[in-house]
Amino acid sequence: MIQATLPLSEQIHIRLSERLKPTELRVIDESAQHAGHMGANESGVGTHMRVCIASPLFVGITRVQRHRLVYDALQDFIDQGLHALAIELI
């Protein structure tokens, strides 16, 4: 279970590490850059994330399938208010 007291970026990092066993992973909170935009909140954190990820689970599957794996791993975060998720496959 991921501790809700951790910043969302760290929670996402933990989740993706557990589920996708990445060889490279960066999670960047870009929420402050979206202040005033749809989906942003007053705190400026936790609504807009960028994930840069490489995983052996991505070998032999399409780009769409890779993105689906990431979205599936993070669906509960999306359901709880993560507004935007940019995925960079590396």
Protein backbone atom coordinates (compact mmCIF):
# COMPACT_ATOMS: atom_id res chain seq x y z
CA MET A 1 0.00 0.00 0.00
CA ILE A 2 1.35 3.41 -0.97
CA GLN A 3 1.30 6.00 1.80
CA ALA A 4 -0.99 8.89 0.94
CA THR A 5 1.27 11.22 2.95
CA LEU A 6 3.93 10.99 0.22
CA PRO A 7 3.83 13.51 -2.64
CA LEU A 8 1.82 12.20 -5.58
CA SER A 9 4.93 12.07 -7.77
CA GLU A 10 6.56 9.69 -5.27
CA GLN A 11 3.42 7.57 -5.03
CA ILE A 12 3.37 7.27 -8.83
CA HIS A 13 7.07 6.38 -8.86
CA ILE A 14 6.50 3.61 -6.34
CA ARG A 15 3.47 2.24 -8.22
CA LEU A 16 5.23 2.16 -11.60
CA SER A 17 8.34 0.62 -10.03
CA GLU A 18 6.25 -2.16 -8.51
CA ARG A 19 4.07 -2.86 -11.54
CA LEU A 20 6.34 -2.25 -14.55
CA LYS A 21 9.83 -2.97 -13.15
CA PRO A 22 11.37 -0.07 -15.13
CA THR A 23 15.03 0.14 -16.02
CA GLU A 24 14.67 3.91 -16.09
CA LEU A 25 11.96 6.04 -14.50
CA ARG A 26 11.44 9.73 -13.83
CA VAL A 27 8.21 11.22 -12.52
CA ILE A 28 7.97 15.00 -12.78
CA ASP A 29 5.19 17.08 -11.25
CA GLU A 30 4.44 19.79 -13.82
CA SER A 31 1.33 21.05 -12.05
CA ALA A 32 2.76 24.49 -11.23
CA GLN A 33 3.26 25.11 -14.96
CA HIS A 34 -0.49 24.64 -15.48
CA ALA A 35 -1.76 27.09 -12.85
CA GLY A 36 -5.06 28.54 -13.98
CA HIS A 37 -5.64 25.80 -16.54
CA MET A 38 -8.44 23.28 -16.42
CA GLY A 39 -7.77 20.56 -13.88
CA ALA A 40 -5.24 22.59 -11.89
CA ASN A 41 -5.76 23.11 -8.19
CA GLU A 42 -4.82 25.95 -5.82
CA SER A 43 -1.84 24.07 -4.37
CA GLY A 44 -0.02 23.81 -7.69
CA VAL A 45 0.85 20.14 -7.16
CA GLY A 46 -0.57 16.74 -7.99
CA THR A 47 -2.66 17.40 -11.08
CA HIS A 48 -0.27 17.31 -14.06
CA MET A 49 2.47 14.66 -14.20
CA ARG A 50 5.10 13.65 -16.74
CA VAL A 51 6.40 10.06 -16.66
CA CYS A 52 9.59 9.12 -18.51
CA ILE A 53 9.89 5.35 -18.48
CA ALA A 54 11.68 2.36 -19.99
CA SER A 55 10.67 -1.17 -19.04
CA PRO A 56 11.47 -4.68 -20.22
CA LEU A 57 7.70 -5.23 -20.25
CA PHE A 58 7.55 -2.88 -23.26
CA VAL A 59 9.62 -5.16 -25.49
CA GLY A 60 7.65 -6.49 -28.44
CA ILE A 61 4.48 -4.47 -27.87
CA THR A 62 3.17 -1.37 -29.63
CA ARG A 63 3.43 2.19 -28.37
CA VAL A 64 -0.32 2.18 -27.64
CA GLN A 65 0.04 -1.02 -25.60
CA ARG A 66 2.94 0.51 -23.64
CA HIS A 67 0.88 3.59 -22.85
CA ARG A 68 -2.02 1.36 -21.81
CA LEU A 69 0.22 -0.46 -19.30
CA VAL A 70 1.15 2.86 -17.72
CA TYR A 71 -2.45 4.13 -17.66
CA ASP A 72 -3.69 0.83 -16.21
CA ALA A 73 -1.08 0.98 -13.44
CA LEU A 74 -2.13 4.52 -12.55
CA GLN A 75 -5.91 4.34 -13.06
CA ASP A 76 -6.78 4.83 -9.40
CA PHE A 77 -4.68 8.03 -9.32
CA ILE A 78 -6.59 9.28 -12.37
CA ASP A 79 -9.87 8.39 -10.68
CA GLN A 80 -8.76 10.42 -7.63
CA GLY A 81 -7.97 13.62 -9.53
CA LEU A 82 -4.79 13.26 -11.58
CA HIS A 83 -5.89 15.46 -14.46
CA ALA A 84 -3.08 15.10 -17.01
CA LEU A 85 -0.47 12.44 -17.59
CA ALA A 86 2.24 12.87 -20.21
CA ILE A 87 4.08 9.64 -21.00
CA GLU A 88 7.52 9.60 -22.59
CA LEU A 89 8.74 6.15 -23.57
CA ILE A 90 12.53 6.01 -23.35
